[in-house]
Amino acid sequence: MTLTLLFAAIGFWASAQISHGGTPPSFTYANQLSKNVSFVEMPLVNVDALLQEDNLNEGKDIPYRFGFNHMVNLTPQNSGEWTTLKKGDKIWRLGIKCTDAYSINIALDKFNIPAGAQLFVYSADRSYVLGSFTEANVQPHGELGIDLVPGQEIIVEYYEPAKPAFKGELSIFRVTHAYRDAFKIAKDLTGSGNCHNNVICPVGLRLGRSNTLCSYYGC
């Protein structure tokens, strides 16, 4: 991997769209929600085989690979569970597990939500939260890349107000299982940790690359 490719990837991260803060509504309305979240478990990853491939590619002019991409089709219509709150607001939650992963990040190929709606992604123990992602994050191409969450289990949470202008559309098409510690890589390279940014990459990188350092930044 060349320094040019490495710092190009870091550049995309630095210019990312920042999330809008806040707390997942489920933390506040826990008494109205089931304690158990429905999890989808990704297939096991053959880390030894991936590391062997990486060794063969060492020195080549290609981006550094840290994770394995599971191509999926996870939507509020086919996975997870909805809860309707007392005032009519709705919360959808989906757990994703990648056994033995250092971290997990996801990418959506459909992200179109109304005013007042929010998307969060957080660790199963609630110690690490990304979001909120709102209508301000909606892009013409309809895609959304979300940064890494440490650990082998994450929860995706979508909140929609009682009377939305339209029904939100969400579709997760990729789950990246980090078989290397990307947080440590970033810290070693930049001298600081993750900045919790949401990343939207150029079209050529968004869908054209898989399993690379660019995946770390949500591409």
N, C-alpha and C. Protein backbone atom coordinates (compact mmCIF):
# COMPACT_ATOMS: atom_id res chain seq x y z
N MET A 1 0.84 -1.19 0.00
CA MET A 1 0.00 0.00 0.00
C MET A 1 0.88 1.25 0.00
N THR A 2 0.60 2.18 -0.86
CA THR A 2 1.40 3.39 -0.93
C THR A 2 0.87 4.44 0.02
N LEU A 3 1.74 5.39 0.41
CA LEU A 3 1.31 6.47 1.28
C LEU A 3 0.26 7.33 0.60
N THR A 4 0.35 7.45 -0.73
CA THR A 4 -0.63 8.25 -1.46
C THR A 4 -2.03 7.70 -1.26
N LEU A 5 -2.18 6.37 -1.42
CA LEU A 5 -3.49 5.76 -1.24
C LEU A 5 -3.94 5.87 0.21
N LEU A 6 -3.02 5.70 1.14
CA LEU A 6 -3.36 5.76 2.53
C LEU A 6 -3.89 7.13 2.92
N PHE A 7 -3.17 8.18 2.56
CA PHE A 7 -3.59 9.52 2.97
C PHE A 7 -4.79 10.00 2.16
N ALA A 8 -4.98 9.45 0.97
CA ALA A 8 -6.21 9.77 0.22
C ALA A 8 -7.42 9.28 1.00
N ALA A 9 -7.31 8.06 1.55
CA ALA A 9 -8.42 7.53 2.34
C ALA A 9 -8.66 8.38 3.58
N ILE A 10 -7.59 8.79 4.24
CA ILE A 10 -7.73 9.63 5.42
C ILE A 10 -8.38 10.96 5.05
N GLY A 11 -8.07 11.46 3.85
CA GLY A 11 -8.65 12.71 3.40
C GLY A 11 -10.16 12.64 3.28
N PHE A 12 -10.67 11.50 2.79
CA PHE A 12 -12.12 11.33 2.69
C PHE A 12 -12.75 11.37 4.07
N TRP A 13 -12.08 10.76 5.03
CA TRP A 13 -12.58 10.75 6.40
C TRP A 13 -12.65 12.17 6.95
N ALA A 14 -11.58 12.92 6.74
CA ALA A 14 -11.50 14.27 7.30
C ALA A 14 -12.58 15.19 6.75
N SER A 15 -13.01 14.94 5.51
CA SER A 15 -14.01 15.81 4.88
C SER A 15 -15.42 15.26 5.03
N ALA A 16 -15.60 14.34 5.98
CA ALA A 16 -16.87 13.65 6.12
C ALA A 16 -17.97 14.57 6.63
N GLN A 17 -19.21 14.13 6.41
CA GLN A 17 -20.35 14.82 6.99
C GLN A 17 -20.48 14.38 8.44
N ILE A 18 -20.59 15.31 9.34
CA ILE A 18 -20.61 14.99 10.76
C ILE A 18 -22.03 14.67 11.21
N SER A 19 -22.14 13.73 12.13
CA SER A 19 -23.44 13.38 12.67
C SER A 19 -23.94 14.51 13.57
N HIS A 20 -25.20 14.41 14.00
CA HIS A 20 -25.86 15.55 14.64
C HIS A 20 -26.09 15.38 16.13
N GLY A 21 -25.50 14.38 16.72
CA GLY A 21 -25.58 14.22 18.17
C GLY A 21 -26.93 13.74 18.66
N GLY A 22 -27.06 13.68 19.95
CA GLY A 22 -28.29 13.22 20.55
C GLY A 22 -28.16 11.84 21.15
N THR A 23 -29.23 11.38 21.75
CA THR A 23 -29.28 10.08 22.42
C THR A 23 -30.32 9.20 21.75
N PRO A 24 -30.02 7.94 21.48
CA PRO A 24 -31.03 7.05 20.91
C PRO A 24 -32.30 7.05 21.75
N PRO A 25 -33.46 7.25 21.14
CA PRO A 25 -34.71 7.30 21.89
C PRO A 25 -34.98 6.08 22.76
N SER A 26 -34.47 4.93 22.34
CA SER A 26 -34.71 3.71 23.13
C SER A 26 -34.09 3.82 24.52
N PHE A 27 -33.05 4.65 24.67
CA PHE A 27 -32.44 4.82 25.98
C PHE A 27 -33.42 5.53 26.92
N THR A 28 -34.23 6.41 26.36
CA THR A 28 -35.19 7.18 27.15
C THR A 28 -36.49 6.40 27.37
N TYR A 29 -36.93 5.67 26.35
CA TYR A 29 -38.21 4.97 26.41
C TYR A 29 -38.03 3.48 26.65
N ALA A 30 -37.02 3.12 27.42
CA ALA A 30 -36.71 1.71 27.65
C ALA A 30 -37.90 0.95 28.25
N ASN A 31 -38.71 1.64 29.06
CA ASN A 31 -39.85 0.97 29.71
C ASN A 31 -40.96 0.63 28.72
N GLN A 32 -40.90 1.19 27.51
CA GLN A 32 -41.91 0.88 26.49
C GLN A 32 -41.40 -0.11 25.44
N LEU A 33 -40.15 -0.55 25.60
CA LEU A 33 -39.52 -1.41 24.62
C LEU A 33 -39.15 -2.75 25.21
N SER A 34 -39.10 -3.73 24.36
CA SER A 34 -38.61 -5.04 24.78
C SER A 34 -37.13 -4.94 25.14
N LYS A 35 -36.72 -5.65 26.19
CA LYS A 35 -35.31 -5.63 26.58
C LYS A 35 -34.45 -6.38 25.57
N ASN A 36 -35.06 -7.32 24.88
CA ASN A 36 -34.32 -8.13 23.91
C ASN A 36 -34.44 -7.55 22.52
N VAL A 37 -33.31 -7.43 21.84
CA VAL A 37 -33.26 -6.94 20.47
C VAL A 37 -32.99 -8.12 19.55
N SER A 38 -33.70 -8.17 18.44
CA SER A 38 -33.51 -9.24 17.46
C SER A 38 -32.18 -9.06 16.73
N PHE A 39 -31.32 -10.09 16.77
CA PHE A 39 -30.01 -10.02 16.14
C PHE A 39 -29.95 -10.87 14.88
N VAL A 40 -29.25 -10.34 13.89
CA VAL A 40 -28.88 -11.10 12.70
C VAL A 40 -27.39 -11.40 12.83
N GLU A 41 -27.01 -12.66 12.72
CA GLU A 41 -25.61 -13.04 12.87
C GLU A 41 -24.98 -13.30 11.50
N MET A 42 -23.88 -12.61 11.23
CA MET A 42 -23.18 -12.78 9.97
C MET A 42 -22.40 -14.10 9.97
N PRO A 43 -22.14 -14.67 8.79
CA PRO A 43 -21.33 -15.89 8.71
C PRO A 43 -19.94 -15.67 9.30
N LEU A 44 -19.34 -16.75 9.79
CA LEU A 44 -17.99 -16.66 10.33
C LEU A 44 -17.00 -16.26 9.24
N VAL A 45 -15.98 -15.54 9.65
CA VAL A 45 -14.95 -15.07 8.72
C VAL A 45 -13.69 -15.89 8.90
N ASN A 46 -13.10 -16.34 7.79
CA ASN A 46 -11.85 -17.11 7.82
C ASN A 46 -10.68 -16.14 7.86
N VAL A 47 -10.30 -15.74 9.05
CA VAL A 47 -9.27 -14.72 9.22
C VAL A 47 -7.93 -15.18 8.68
N ASP A 48 -7.58 -16.44 8.92
CA ASP A 48 -6.28 -16.94 8.45
C ASP A 48 -6.16 -16.82 6.94
N ALA A 49 -7.23 -17.17 6.22
CA ALA A 49 -7.20 -17.09 4.76
C ALA A 49 -7.08 -15.64 4.30
N LEU A 50 -7.78 -14.75 4.97
CA LEU A 50 -7.72 -13.33 4.60
C LEU A 50 -6.32 -12.76 4.85
N LEU A 51 -5.70 -13.14 5.95
CA LEU A 51 -4.36 -12.65 6.24
C LEU A 51 -3.35 -13.19 5.23
N GLN A 52 -3.55 -14.42 4.78
CA GLN A 52 -2.67 -14.97 3.74
C GLN A 52 -2.81 -14.18 2.45
N GLU A 53 -4.04 -13.84 2.09
CA GLU A 53 -4.26 -13.01 0.90
C GLU A 53 -3.59 -11.65 1.06
N ASP A 54 -3.69 -11.08 2.25
CA ASP A 54 -3.08 -9.78 2.50
C ASP A 54 -1.57 -9.85 2.36
N ASN A 55 -0.99 -10.94 2.83
CA ASN A 55 0.47 -11.10 2.70
C ASN A 55 0.88 -11.17 1.24
N LEU A 56 0.07 -11.83 0.41
CA LEU A 56 0.37 -11.92 -1.02
C LEU A 56 0.28 -10.56 -1.69
N ASN A 57 -0.62 -9.70 -1.18
CA ASN A 57 -0.82 -8.37 -1.78
C ASN A 57 0.11 -7.31 -1.22
N GLU A 58 0.89 -7.68 -0.21
CA GLU A 58 1.76 -6.70 0.43
C GLU A 58 2.75 -6.11 -0.58
N GLY A 59 2.86 -4.82 -0.56
CA GLY A 59 3.77 -4.14 -1.48
C GLY A 59 3.12 -3.71 -2.78
N LYS A 60 1.91 -4.21 -3.04
CA LYS A 60 1.21 -3.83 -4.27
C LYS A 60 0.54 -2.47 -4.06
N ASP A 61 0.25 -1.80 -5.17
CA ASP A 61 -0.30 -0.45 -5.13
C ASP A 61 -1.82 -0.49 -4.95
N ILE A 62 -2.25 -1.07 -3.84
CA ILE A 62 -3.68 -1.18 -3.55
C ILE A 62 -3.93 -0.73 -2.11
N PRO A 63 -5.15 -0.28 -1.79
CA PRO A 63 -5.43 0.16 -0.43
C PRO A 63 -5.31 -0.98 0.57
N TYR A 64 -5.02 -0.63 1.79
CA TYR A 64 -4.87 -1.57 2.88
C TYR A 64 -6.23 -2.15 3.26
N ARG A 65 -6.28 -3.46 3.44
CA ARG A 65 -7.54 -4.10 3.81
C ARG A 65 -7.55 -4.42 5.30
N PHE A 66 -8.63 -4.06 5.95
CA PHE A 66 -8.74 -4.34 7.38
C PHE A 66 -9.93 -5.22 7.71
N GLY A 67 -10.91 -5.32 6.78
CA GLY A 67 -12.15 -6.02 7.10
C GLY A 67 -12.72 -6.81 5.94
N PHE A 68 -13.65 -7.67 6.29
CA PHE A 68 -14.35 -8.48 5.30
C PHE A 68 -15.77 -7.97 5.16
N ASN A 69 -16.20 -7.75 3.93
CA ASN A 69 -17.54 -7.21 3.67
C ASN A 69 -18.56 -8.32 3.46
N HIS A 70 -19.57 -8.33 4.29
CA HIS A 70 -20.73 -9.19 4.07
C HIS A 70 -21.76 -8.38 3.28
N MET A 71 -22.14 -8.86 2.12
CA MET A 71 -23.16 -8.19 1.33
C MET A 71 -24.53 -8.70 1.78
N VAL A 72 -25.39 -7.78 2.19
CA VAL A 72 -26.65 -8.15 2.82
C VAL A 72 -27.80 -7.33 2.22
N ASN A 73 -28.98 -7.63 2.69
CA ASN A 73 -30.16 -6.84 2.36
C ASN A 73 -31.03 -6.79 3.61
N LEU A 74 -30.73 -5.84 4.48
CA LEU A 74 -31.42 -5.72 5.76
C LEU A 74 -32.23 -4.44 5.78
N THR A 75 -33.52 -4.57 5.95
CA THR A 75 -34.43 -3.43 5.95
C THR A 75 -35.42 -3.55 7.10
N PRO A 76 -36.12 -2.48 7.42
CA PRO A 76 -37.17 -2.57 8.44
C PRO A 76 -38.32 -3.49 8.04
N GLN A 77 -38.41 -3.82 6.77
CA GLN A 77 -39.47 -4.70 6.30
C GLN A 77 -39.11 -6.19 6.44
N ASN A 78 -37.82 -6.52 6.49
CA ASN A 78 -37.46 -7.94 6.51
C ASN A 78 -36.63 -8.37 7.72
N SER A 79 -36.34 -7.46 8.63
CA SER A 79 -35.51 -7.82 9.78
C SER A 79 -35.75 -6.84 10.93
N GLY A 80 -35.25 -7.19 12.11
CA GLY A 80 -35.42 -6.33 13.26
C GLY A 80 -36.87 -6.29 13.73
N GLU A 81 -37.16 -5.32 14.58
CA GLU A 81 -38.52 -5.21 15.11
C GLU A 81 -38.91 -3.76 15.34
N TRP A 82 -40.19 -3.50 15.13
CA TRP A 82 -40.76 -2.17 15.36
C TRP A 82 -41.47 -2.13 16.71
N THR A 83 -41.42 -0.98 17.34
CA THR A 83 -42.21 -0.71 18.55
C THR A 83 -42.90 0.63 18.37
N THR A 84 -44.20 0.68 18.64
CA THR A 84 -44.94 1.93 18.60
C THR A 84 -45.06 2.46 20.02
N LEU A 85 -44.58 3.68 20.24
CA LEU A 85 -44.62 4.29 21.55
C LEU A 85 -46.02 4.84 21.85
N LYS A 86 -46.23 5.26 23.09
CA LYS A 86 -47.57 5.68 23.54
C LYS A 86 -48.12 6.85 22.74
N LYS A 87 -47.23 7.74 22.27
CA LYS A 87 -47.69 8.91 21.53
C LYS A 87 -47.72 8.68 20.02
N GLY A 88 -47.46 7.44 19.59
CA GLY A 88 -47.53 7.11 18.18
C GLY A 88 -46.20 7.11 17.46
N ASP A 89 -45.15 7.60 18.10
CA ASP A 89 -43.82 7.53 17.50
C ASP A 89 -43.41 6.06 17.38
N LYS A 90 -42.51 5.78 16.45
CA LYS A 90 -42.09 4.39 16.23
C LYS A 90 -40.56 4.27 16.30
N ILE A 91 -40.13 3.14 16.82
CA ILE A 91 -38.70 2.82 16.88
C ILE A 91 -38.48 1.45 16.27
N TRP A 92 -37.52 1.40 15.34
CA TRP A 92 -37.09 0.12 14.75
C TRP A 92 -35.68 -0.17 15.24
N ARG A 93 -35.47 -1.39 15.71
CA ARG A 93 -34.14 -1.79 16.16
C ARG A 93 -33.73 -3.11 15.53
N LEU A 94 -32.46 -3.16 15.15
CA LEU A 94 -31.88 -4.38 14.58
C LEU A 94 -30.50 -4.58 15.15
N GLY A 95 -30.25 -5.76 15.70
CA GLY A 95 -28.91 -6.11 16.16
C GLY A 95 -28.16 -6.86 15.07
N ILE A 96 -26.87 -6.59 14.97
CA ILE A 96 -26.00 -7.28 14.01
C ILE A 96 -24.80 -7.82 14.77
N LYS A 97 -24.49 -9.09 14.57
CA LYS A 97 -23.35 -9.71 15.25
C LYS A 97 -22.35 -10.25 14.24
N CYS A 98 -21.08 -9.91 14.45
CA CYS A 98 -19.97 -10.48 13.68
C CYS A 98 -19.02 -11.10 14.69
N THR A 99 -19.09 -12.40 14.84
CA THR A 99 -18.31 -13.08 15.87
C THR A 99 -16.82 -12.80 15.74
N ASP A 100 -16.21 -12.38 16.84
CA ASP A 100 -14.76 -12.12 16.95
C ASP A 100 -14.30 -10.87 16.20
N ALA A 101 -15.21 -10.05 15.74
CA ALA A 101 -14.80 -8.82 15.04
C ALA A 101 -14.23 -7.80 16.03
N TYR A 102 -13.21 -7.07 15.58
CA TYR A 102 -12.71 -5.95 16.37
C TYR A 102 -13.72 -4.81 16.38
N SER A 103 -14.40 -4.65 15.24
CA SER A 103 -15.40 -3.60 15.10
C SER A 103 -16.31 -3.95 13.93
N ILE A 104 -17.40 -3.22 13.83
CA ILE A 104 -18.36 -3.41 12.74
C ILE A 104 -18.73 -2.05 12.20
N ASN A 105 -18.82 -1.94 10.88
CA ASN A 105 -19.45 -0.76 10.30
C ASN A 105 -20.38 -1.17 9.18
N ILE A 106 -21.32 -0.30 8.88
CA ILE A 106 -22.35 -0.63 7.91
C ILE A 106 -22.44 0.45 6.84
N ALA A 107 -23.02 0.08 5.71
CA ALA A 107 -23.31 1.03 4.63
C ALA A 107 -24.72 0.78 4.13
N LEU A 108 -25.42 1.87 3.86
CA LEU A 108 -26.78 1.79 3.34
C LEU A 108 -26.79 2.25 1.89
N ASP A 109 -27.52 1.52 1.04
CA ASP A 109 -27.68 1.97 -0.34
C ASP A 109 -29.00 2.71 -0.53
N LYS A 110 -29.82 2.74 0.53
CA LYS A 110 -31.03 3.55 0.52
C LYS A 110 -31.15 4.22 1.88
N PHE A 111 -31.13 5.54 1.86
CA PHE A 111 -31.31 6.31 3.08
C PHE A 111 -32.09 7.57 2.73
N ASN A 112 -33.37 7.52 3.02
CA ASN A 112 -34.25 8.66 2.75
C ASN A 112 -35.27 8.73 3.87
N ILE A 113 -35.08 9.70 4.77
CA ILE A 113 -35.94 9.77 5.95
C ILE A 113 -36.53 11.17 6.09
N PRO A 114 -37.69 11.27 6.73
CA PRO A 114 -38.38 12.57 6.84
C PRO A 114 -37.82 13.43 7.97
N ALA A 115 -38.25 14.67 8.01
CA ALA A 115 -37.89 15.57 9.10
C ALA A 115 -38.34 14.97 10.42
N GLY A 116 -37.49 15.07 11.41
CA GLY A 116 -37.80 14.55 12.74
C GLY A 116 -37.35 13.13 12.97
N ALA A 117 -37.04 12.41 11.89
CA ALA A 117 -36.57 11.02 12.02
C ALA A 117 -35.07 11.02 12.32
N GLN A 118 -34.60 9.97 12.98
CA GLN A 118 -33.20 9.86 13.36
C GLN A 118 -32.72 8.42 13.24
N LEU A 119 -31.46 8.27 12.84
CA LEU A 119 -30.82 6.96 12.80
C LEU A 119 -29.61 6.98 13.72
N PHE A 120 -29.46 5.94 14.53
CA PHE A 120 -28.30 5.76 15.40
C PHE A 120 -27.72 4.37 15.18
N VAL A 121 -26.42 4.24 15.44
CA VAL A 121 -25.76 2.94 15.49
C VAL A 121 -24.90 2.94 16.74
N TYR A 122 -25.01 1.88 17.54
CA TYR A 122 -24.27 1.86 18.79
C TYR A 122 -23.90 0.43 19.19
N SER A 123 -22.93 0.35 20.10
CA SER A 123 -22.50 -0.96 20.59
C SER A 123 -23.60 -1.56 21.46
N ALA A 124 -23.62 -2.89 21.53
CA ALA A 124 -24.69 -3.57 22.25
C ALA A 124 -24.71 -3.19 23.73
N ASP A 125 -23.54 -2.82 24.28
CA ASP A 125 -23.50 -2.41 25.69
C ASP A 125 -23.77 -0.92 25.87
N ARG A 126 -24.06 -0.21 24.77
CA ARG A 126 -24.43 1.21 24.77
C ARG A 126 -23.28 2.14 25.14
N SER A 127 -22.07 1.63 25.14
CA SER A 127 -20.93 2.46 25.55
C SER A 127 -20.40 3.34 24.42
N TYR A 128 -20.82 3.07 23.19
CA TYR A 128 -20.28 3.78 22.03
C TYR A 128 -21.42 4.04 21.06
N VAL A 129 -21.72 5.31 20.81
CA VAL A 129 -22.88 5.68 20.01
C VAL A 129 -22.48 6.57 18.85
N LEU A 130 -22.98 6.26 17.66
CA LEU A 130 -22.82 7.11 16.48
C LEU A 130 -24.19 7.63 16.07
N GLY A 131 -24.27 8.90 15.74
CA GLY A 131 -25.53 9.50 15.33
C GLY A 131 -25.75 10.80 16.12
N SER A 132 -26.88 11.44 15.91
CA SER A 132 -27.91 10.98 14.99
C SER A 132 -27.58 11.33 13.54
N PHE A 133 -28.14 10.51 12.64
CA PHE A 133 -28.14 10.80 11.22
C PHE A 133 -29.58 11.15 10.85
N THR A 134 -29.75 12.28 10.21
CA THR A 134 -31.08 12.84 10.00
C THR A 134 -31.32 13.15 8.52
N GLU A 135 -32.40 13.86 8.24
CA GLU A 135 -32.68 14.25 6.87
C GLU A 135 -31.55 15.08 6.27
N ALA A 136 -30.77 15.73 7.14
CA ALA A 136 -29.63 16.52 6.67
C ALA A 136 -28.54 15.65 6.05
N ASN A 137 -28.54 14.36 6.36
CA ASN A 137 -27.57 13.43 5.80
C ASN A 137 -28.04 12.78 4.51
N VAL A 138 -29.27 13.04 4.11
CA VAL A 138 -29.79 12.46 2.87
C VAL A 138 -29.07 13.07 1.68
N GLN A 139 -28.59 12.21 0.79
CA GLN A 139 -27.84 12.64 -0.38
C GLN A 139 -28.59 12.26 -1.66
N PRO A 140 -28.32 12.94 -2.78
CA PRO A 140 -29.00 12.61 -4.04
C PRO A 140 -28.82 11.15 -4.45
N HIS A 141 -27.64 10.58 -4.18
CA HIS A 141 -27.41 9.19 -4.56
C HIS A 141 -28.08 8.21 -3.61
N GLY A 142 -28.59 8.70 -2.47
CA GLY A 142 -29.36 7.86 -1.58
C GLY A 142 -28.57 6.96 -0.66
N GLU A 143 -27.25 7.09 -0.63
CA GLU A 143 -26.42 6.19 0.16
C GLU A 143 -25.94 6.85 1.44
N LEU A 144 -25.57 6.02 2.41
CA LEU A 144 -25.05 6.51 3.67
C LEU A 144 -24.03 5.52 4.20
N GLY A 145 -22.81 5.99 4.48
CA GLY A 145 -21.79 5.16 5.10
C GLY A 145 -21.64 5.57 6.55
N ILE A 146 -21.59 4.60 7.44
CA ILE A 146 -21.49 4.87 8.87
C ILE A 146 -20.21 4.26 9.41
N ASP A 147 -19.53 5.01 10.24
CA ASP A 147 -18.22 4.66 10.76
C ASP A 147 -18.25 3.41 11.64
N LEU A 148 -17.07 3.02 12.11
CA LEU A 148 -16.93 1.80 12.89
C LEU A 148 -17.45 1.96 14.31
N VAL A 149 -18.01 0.86 14.80
CA VAL A 149 -18.38 0.73 16.21
C VAL A 149 -17.58 -0.44 16.76
N PRO A 150 -16.83 -0.26 17.85
CA PRO A 150 -16.01 -1.35 18.37
C PRO A 150 -16.85 -2.49 18.92
N GLY A 151 -16.30 -3.70 18.82
CA GLY A 151 -16.97 -4.87 19.35
C GLY A 151 -17.59 -5.73 18.28
N GLN A 152 -18.15 -6.85 18.70
CA GLN A 152 -18.71 -7.82 17.76
C GLN A 152 -20.23 -7.77 17.67
N GLU A 153 -20.84 -6.85 18.39
CA GLU A 153 -22.29 -6.69 18.31
C GLU A 153 -22.66 -5.21 18.27
N ILE A 154 -23.50 -4.84 17.32
CA ILE A 154 -23.99 -3.48 17.23
C ILE A 154 -25.51 -3.49 17.14
N ILE A 155 -26.11 -2.34 17.41
CA ILE A 155 -27.55 -2.17 17.25
C ILE A 155 -27.79 -0.96 16.35
N VAL A 156 -28.61 -1.16 15.35
CA VAL A 156 -29.05 -0.09 14.46
C VAL A 156 -30.44 0.34 14.93
N GLU A 157 -30.62 1.62 15.17
CA GLU A 157 -31.90 2.11 15.68
C GLU A 157 -32.41 3.27 14.83
N TYR A 158 -33.66 3.15 14.40
CA TYR A 158 -34.30 4.19 13.60
C TYR A 158 -35.54 4.68 14.33
N TYR A 159 -35.62 5.98 14.51
CA TYR A 159 -36.78 6.60 15.16
C TYR A 159 -37.56 7.42 14.13
N GLU A 160 -38.89 7.27 14.13
CA GLU A 160 -39.73 8.03 13.21
C GLU A 160 -40.89 8.64 13.99
N PRO A 161 -41.13 9.95 13.83
CA PRO A 161 -42.21 10.61 14.57
C PRO A 161 -43.58 10.07 14.16
N ALA A 162 -44.57 10.39 14.97
CA ALA A 162 -45.91 9.81 14.80
C ALA A 162 -46.55 10.17 13.46
N LYS A 163 -46.34 11.39 13.00
CA LYS A 163 -46.97 11.81 11.75
C LYS A 163 -45.91 12.34 10.79
N PRO A 164 -45.13 11.43 10.22
CA PRO A 164 -44.05 11.86 9.31
C PRO A 164 -44.60 12.35 7.98
N ALA A 165 -43.84 13.18 7.31
CA ALA A 165 -44.24 13.64 5.99
C ALA A 165 -44.31 12.48 5.00
N PHE A 166 -43.47 11.48 5.23
CA PHE A 166 -43.48 10.25 4.43
C PHE A 166 -42.78 9.17 5.23
N LYS A 167 -42.97 7.92 4.83
CA LYS A 167 -42.34 6.81 5.52
C LYS A 167 -40.86 6.74 5.11
N GLY A 168 -39.99 6.65 6.10
CA GLY A 168 -38.57 6.57 5.81
C GLY A 168 -38.21 5.29 5.08
N GLU A 169 -37.13 5.38 4.31
CA GLU A 169 -36.65 4.22 3.55
C GLU A 169 -35.20 3.96 3.95
N LEU A 170 -34.96 2.75 4.45
CA LEU A 170 -33.63 2.34 4.88
C LEU A 170 -33.30 0.97 4.32
N SER A 171 -32.08 0.80 3.85
CA SER A 171 -31.64 -0.51 3.37
C SER A 171 -30.14 -0.65 3.59
N ILE A 172 -29.76 -1.57 4.48
CA ILE A 172 -28.35 -1.86 4.72
C ILE A 172 -27.89 -2.90 3.71
N PHE A 173 -26.88 -2.55 2.92
CA PHE A 173 -26.41 -3.49 1.90
C PHE A 173 -25.05 -4.10 2.22
N ARG A 174 -24.36 -3.53 3.21
CA ARG A 174 -23.03 -4.06 3.53
C ARG A 174 -22.75 -3.96 5.02
N VAL A 175 -22.23 -5.06 5.56
CA VAL A 175 -21.76 -5.11 6.94
C VAL A 175 -20.29 -5.49 6.90
N THR A 176 -19.43 -4.64 7.44
CA THR A 176 -17.99 -4.91 7.40
C THR A 176 -17.51 -5.42 8.75
N HIS A 177 -16.97 -6.64 8.72
CA HIS A 177 -16.40 -7.31 9.88
C HIS A 177 -14.91 -7.00 9.90
N ALA A 178 -14.46 -6.24 10.90
CA ALA A 178 -13.04 -5.88 10.98
C ALA A 178 -12.26 -7.02 11.62
N TYR A 179 -11.38 -7.63 10.84
CA TYR A 179 -10.53 -8.69 11.38
C TYR A 179 -9.15 -8.14 11.78
N ARG A 180 -8.96 -6.84 11.57
CA ARG A 180 -7.81 -6.12 12.12
C ARG A 180 -8.38 -4.98 12.98
N ASP A 181 -7.57 -4.50 13.90
CA ASP A 181 -8.01 -3.44 14.80
C ASP A 181 -7.83 -2.09 14.12
N ALA A 182 -8.87 -1.65 13.41
CA ALA A 182 -8.80 -0.41 12.65
C ALA A 182 -8.68 0.81 13.55
N PHE A 183 -9.20 0.75 14.76
CA PHE A 183 -9.05 1.87 15.69
C PHE A 183 -7.58 2.08 16.04
N LYS A 184 -6.87 1.00 16.25
CA LYS A 184 -5.45 1.10 16.55
C LYS A 184 -4.69 1.62 15.34
N ILE A 185 -5.06 1.15 14.15
CA ILE A 185 -4.41 1.62 12.92
C ILE A 185 -4.58 3.13 12.79
N ALA A 186 -5.82 3.61 13.01
CA ALA A 186 -6.08 5.04 12.88
C ALA A 186 -5.31 5.85 13.92
N LYS A 187 -5.27 5.32 15.13
CA LYS A 187 -4.55 6.03 16.20
C LYS A 187 -3.07 6.10 15.89
N ASP A 188 -2.50 5.00 15.39
CA ASP A 188 -1.08 4.98 15.07
C ASP A 188 -0.75 5.94 13.93
N LEU A 189 -1.70 6.07 12.98
CA LEU A 189 -1.43 6.90 11.81
C LEU A 189 -1.65 8.38 12.08
N THR A 190 -2.65 8.69 12.88
CA THR A 190 -3.04 10.09 13.05
C THR A 190 -2.74 10.65 14.42
N GLY A 191 -2.42 9.77 15.37
CA GLY A 191 -2.16 10.23 16.72
C GLY A 191 -3.41 10.52 17.51
N SER A 192 -4.56 10.17 16.95
CA SER A 192 -5.83 10.36 17.65
C SER A 192 -6.78 9.26 17.27
N GLY A 193 -7.86 9.18 17.98
CA GLY A 193 -8.83 8.12 17.73
C GLY A 193 -9.88 8.51 16.73
N ASN A 194 -10.95 7.73 16.72
CA ASN A 194 -12.05 7.90 15.80
C ASN A 194 -12.80 9.21 16.07
N CYS A 195 -13.19 9.93 15.03
CA CYS A 195 -13.90 11.21 15.24
C CYS A 195 -15.40 11.06 15.06
N HIS A 196 -15.90 9.82 14.93
CA HIS A 196 -17.34 9.54 14.88
C HIS A 196 -18.01 10.20 13.68
N ASN A 197 -17.31 10.37 12.58
CA ASN A 197 -17.91 11.02 11.42
C ASN A 197 -18.63 10.02 10.54
N ASN A 198 -19.67 10.53 9.90
CA ASN A 198 -20.32 9.80 8.83
C ASN A 198 -19.61 10.16 7.54
N VAL A 199 -19.39 9.17 6.68
CA VAL A 199 -18.62 9.43 5.47
C VAL A 199 -19.44 9.16 4.23
N ILE A 200 -19.42 10.09 3.31
CA ILE A 200 -19.98 9.90 1.99
C ILE A 200 -18.83 10.03 1.00
N CYS A 201 -18.49 8.96 0.33
CA CYS A 201 -17.34 8.97 -0.58
C CYS A 201 -17.79 9.26 -2.01
N PRO A 202 -16.87 9.66 -2.88
CA PRO A 202 -17.20 9.84 -4.29
C PRO A 202 -17.75 8.55 -4.88
N VAL A 203 -18.53 8.68 -5.94
CA VAL A 203 -19.20 7.52 -6.53
C VAL A 203 -18.23 6.40 -6.83
N GLY A 204 -17.07 6.72 -7.39
CA GLY A 204 -16.11 5.70 -7.77
C GLY A 204 -15.60 4.89 -6.60
N LEU A 205 -15.57 5.49 -5.42
CA LEU A 205 -15.10 4.79 -4.24
C LEU A 205 -16.24 4.18 -3.45
N ARG A 206 -17.44 4.79 -3.51
CA ARG A 206 -18.55 4.32 -2.70
C ARG A 206 -18.85 2.86 -2.95
N LEU A 207 -18.98 2.51 -4.21
CA LEU A 207 -19.39 1.15 -4.54
C LEU A 207 -18.30 0.37 -5.27
N GLY A 208 -17.23 1.05 -5.65
CA GLY A 208 -16.22 0.38 -6.45
C GLY A 208 -15.17 -0.38 -5.67
N ARG A 209 -15.04 -0.13 -4.37
CA ARG A 209 -14.01 -0.80 -3.59
C ARG A 209 -14.67 -1.66 -2.52
N SER A 210 -14.01 -2.77 -2.17
CA SER A 210 -14.51 -3.60 -1.09
C SER A 210 -13.36 -4.03 -0.21
N ASN A 211 -13.62 -4.13 1.08
CA ASN A 211 -12.67 -4.68 2.04
C ASN A 211 -11.40 -3.86 2.18
N THR A 212 -11.38 -2.61 1.81
CA THR A 212 -10.16 -1.83 1.82
C THR A 212 -10.14 -0.85 2.96
N LEU A 213 -9.04 -0.12 3.09
CA LEU A 213 -8.98 0.92 4.11
C LEU A 213 -10.11 1.91 3.92
N CYS A 214 -10.50 2.13 2.67
CA CYS A 214 -11.61 3.05 2.43
C CYS A 214 -12.88 2.55 3.09
N SER A 215 -13.04 1.22 3.21
CA SER A 215 -14.21 0.70 3.90
C SER A 215 -14.25 1.17 5.34
N TYR A 216 -13.07 1.36 5.91
CA TYR A 216 -12.98 1.86 7.29
C TYR A 216 -13.67 3.21 7.41
N TYR A 217 -13.62 3.99 6.38
CA TYR A 217 -14.20 5.32 6.44
C TYR A 217 -15.60 5.34 5.83
N GLY A 218 -16.21 4.18 5.67
CA GLY A 218 -17.60 4.12 5.28
C GLY A 218 -17.86 4.04 3.80
N CYS A 219 -16.82 3.93 2.99
CA CYS A 219 -16.99 3.93 1.54
C CYS A 219 -17.58 2.62 1.06
